Amino acid sequence: MAALPYGTWRMEPKAAGFTTGNGRLLHRRGVAGGGPLNERDTTADGNAVVAELDVNGRLRRYEHRDAGRVLCLGFDPPLPTDASAATAESVAYEISLDGFPRLVDGTAGVQPARDGVSIVWAHATPAWTTGYRFTSTVRHTSPGHVELEVAPLLR
């Protein structure tokens, strides 16, 4: 079972990639699907993170590998995380685990917000997931610093 924890994370862009709040570096590894591919060094326990961006810096795919398990989120069209979301838009997403594609899918409503974007996640299938809604806020807190906050959707 995969869980998306609530909380706040910070990232800082570097020439080689991104540094996370706990000091880990997501290395810029090259080009995938037209945009940069950032991957954290794989640790001895097989833990790694891959973020695939399009040429405009929008998130196309996020993958987290941990001890032989793989959690993947895919976005179509790619998810805006900055000022490129000048107007409200909807992005389809799917969540896969290990070899099981599209275990959960839905629509992310992206809205421009102060210093970034606000995202409301609405699961569509399976039906039991529709009651579990949450929001994400991506803020550019200072030059070059990005903060991601994930919280339950208050109705």
Protein backbone atom coordinates (compact mmCIF):
# COMPACT_ATOMS: atom_id res chain seq x y z
CA MET A 1 0.00 0.00 0.00
CA ALA A 2 1.39 3.39 -0.95
CA ALA A 3 0.63 6.50 1.06
CA LEU A 4 0.95 10.16 0.17
CA PRO A 5 1.97 11.88 3.41
CA TYR A 6 0.76 15.35 4.30
CA GLY A 7 3.51 17.87 4.97
CA THR A 8 5.87 20.42 3.44
CA TRP A 9 9.05 19.83 1.43
CA ARG A 10 11.61 22.31 0.12
CA MET A 11 13.82 22.13 -2.99
CA GLU A 12 16.52 24.39 -4.36
CA PRO A 13 17.56 24.30 -8.04
CA LYS A 14 21.29 23.81 -8.67
CA ALA A 15 23.29 23.56 -11.89
CA ALA A 16 23.48 19.78 -11.42
CA GLY A 17 19.77 19.36 -10.51
CA PHE A 18 17.78 20.03 -7.31
CA THR A 19 18.76 19.83 -3.64
CA THR A 20 15.95 18.67 -1.35
CA GLY A 21 15.31 20.08 2.15
CA ASN A 22 17.19 17.19 3.73
CA GLY A 23 20.26 17.86 1.56
CA ARG A 24 19.83 15.11 -1.03
CA LEU A 25 20.62 16.00 -4.63
CA LEU A 26 18.34 15.10 -7.53
CA HIS A 27 20.93 14.94 -10.31
CA ARG A 28 20.17 16.29 -13.77
CA ARG A 29 20.77 13.20 -15.85
CA GLY A 30 20.03 14.20 -19.42
CA VAL A 31 16.99 14.51 -21.61
CA ALA A 32 13.90 12.30 -21.58
CA GLY A 33 10.84 12.97 -23.71
CA GLY A 34 12.13 16.41 -24.65
CA GLY A 35 12.87 17.71 -21.15
CA PRO A 36 15.41 17.24 -18.36
CA LEU A 37 15.34 14.10 -16.26
CA ASN A 38 16.30 14.57 -12.62
CA GLU A 39 17.18 11.58 -10.49
CA ARG A 40 18.38 11.27 -6.93
CA ASP A 41 21.37 9.02 -6.40
CA THR A 42 20.25 5.47 -5.72
CA THR A 43 21.20 4.49 -2.17
CA ALA A 44 22.40 1.10 -0.95
CA ASP A 45 18.81 0.10 -0.14
CA GLY A 46 17.68 0.74 -3.73
CA ASN A 47 15.83 4.00 -2.97
CA ALA A 48 15.67 6.46 -5.90
CA VAL A 49 13.47 9.29 -7.19
CA VAL A 50 13.01 10.22 -10.85
CA ALA A 51 11.22 13.38 -12.03
CA GLU A 52 10.72 13.67 -15.80
CA LEU A 53 9.98 17.18 -17.08
CA ASP A 54 8.91 18.41 -20.51
CA VAL A 55 10.81 21.18 -22.37
CA ASN A 56 8.80 23.82 -20.47
CA GLY A 57 9.72 22.42 -17.05
CA ARG A 58 6.29 20.84 -16.47
CA LEU A 59 6.17 17.50 -14.67
CA ARG A 60 5.45 14.62 -17.04
CA ARG A 61 6.22 11.71 -14.68
CA TYR A 62 7.32 11.15 -11.06
CA GLU A 63 8.70 7.80 -9.96
CA HIS A 64 9.84 6.67 -6.50
CA ARG A 65 11.71 3.37 -6.25
CA ASP A 66 12.22 1.90 -2.78
CA ALA A 67 13.52 -1.60 -1.97
CA GLY A 68 12.17 -3.12 -5.17
CA ARG A 69 8.81 -1.28 -5.07
CA VAL A 70 7.91 1.39 -7.64
CA LEU A 71 5.33 4.18 -7.18
CA CYS A 72 4.70 6.16 -10.37
CA LEU A 73 2.54 9.22 -11.09
CA GLY A 74 1.98 10.16 -14.75
CA PHE A 75 0.42 13.41 -16.02
CA ASP A 76 -1.24 14.21 -19.37
CA PRO A 77 -0.73 16.99 -20.28
CA PRO A 78 2.33 17.59 -18.07
CA LEU A 79 1.61 19.25 -14.71
CA PRO A 80 2.54 22.94 -14.43
CA THR A 81 4.34 23.85 -11.21
CA ASP A 82 5.15 27.50 -11.79
CA ALA A 83 4.02 30.67 -13.56
CA SER A 84 3.42 28.67 -16.76
CA ALA A 85 -0.02 28.01 -15.23
CA ALA A 86 -1.25 31.50 -16.07
CA THR A 87 -4.87 30.34 -16.14
CA ALA A 88 -6.80 27.47 -14.55
CA GLU A 89 -6.37 24.12 -16.27
CA SER A 90 -7.10 20.44 -15.71
CA VAL A 91 -4.50 17.70 -15.93
CA ALA A 92 -5.32 13.98 -16.03
CA TYR A 93 -3.18 11.80 -13.77
CA GLU A 94 -2.72 8.14 -13.03
CA ILE A 95 -1.01 6.39 -10.15
CA SER A 96 0.66 3.01 -10.64
CA LEU A 97 2.34 0.70 -8.16
CA ASP A 98 4.87 -1.93 -9.16
CA GLY A 99 3.57 -3.72 -12.27
CA PHE A 100 -0.02 -2.55 -11.76
CA PRO A 101 -0.82 0.43 -14.03
CA ARG A 102 -3.61 2.94 -13.35
CA LEU A 103 -4.56 1.73 -9.88
CA VAL A 104 -5.90 5.23 -9.28
CA ASP A 105 -6.67 7.94 -11.82
CA GLY A 106 -8.34 11.30 -11.82
CA THR A 107 -8.02 14.98 -12.62
CA ALA A 108 -5.82 17.61 -11.01
CA GLY A 109 -7.30 21.11 -11.11
CA VAL A 110 -4.41 23.57 -11.37
CA GLN A 111 -4.94 27.22 -10.39
CA PRO A 112 -2.44 30.08 -10.37
CA ALA A 113 -1.69 31.05 -6.77
CA ARG A 114 0.47 33.60 -5.02
CA ASP A 115 4.09 32.78 -5.95
CA GLY A 116 3.16 29.46 -7.60
CA VAL A 117 0.23 27.12 -8.21
CA SER A 118 -2.48 25.38 -6.21
CA ILE A 119 -3.54 21.86 -7.21
CA VAL A 120 -6.76 20.09 -6.15
CA TRP A 121 -6.55 16.34 -6.71
CA ALA A 122 -9.84 14.56 -7.54
CA HIS A 123 -9.61 10.77 -7.87
CA ALA A 124 -12.07 9.27 -10.37
CA THR A 125 -11.38 5.52 -10.13
CA PRO A 126 -11.61 3.28 -8.28
CA ALA A 127 -14.83 4.59 -6.73
CA TRP A 128 -13.70 4.16 -3.11
CA THR A 129 -10.88 6.72 -3.65
CA THR A 130 -13.22 9.58 -4.59
CA GLY A 131 -13.71 10.53 -0.92
CA TYR A 132 -9.97 11.03 -0.37
CA ARG A 133 -9.25 14.46 -1.83
CA PHE A 134 -6.23 16.60 -1.07
CA THR A 135 -4.48 19.75 -2.25
CA SER A 136 -0.92 20.58 -3.14
CA THR A 137 0.60 24.02 -3.25
CA VAL A 138 3.85 24.69 -5.09
CA ARG A 139 5.37 28.01 -4.00
CA HIS A 140 8.49 29.78 -5.16
CA THR A 141 9.46 31.11 -1.71
CA SER A 142 12.64 32.95 -2.68
CA PRO A 143 14.85 33.14 -5.76
CA GLY A 144 15.54 29.56 -6.77
CA HIS A 145 13.74 27.91 -3.83
CA VAL A 146 10.59 25.82 -4.24
CA GLU A 147 8.26 24.61 -1.47
CA LEU A 148 5.72 21.80 -1.90
CA GLU A 149 2.89 21.50 0.63
CA VAL A 150 0.41 18.59 0.63
CA ALA A 151 -2.71 18.83 2.82
CA PRO A 152 -6.19 17.28 3.11
CA LEU A 153 -8.91 19.11 1.20
CA LEU A 154 -11.14 20.86 3.70
CA ARG A 155 -14.75 20.80 2.58
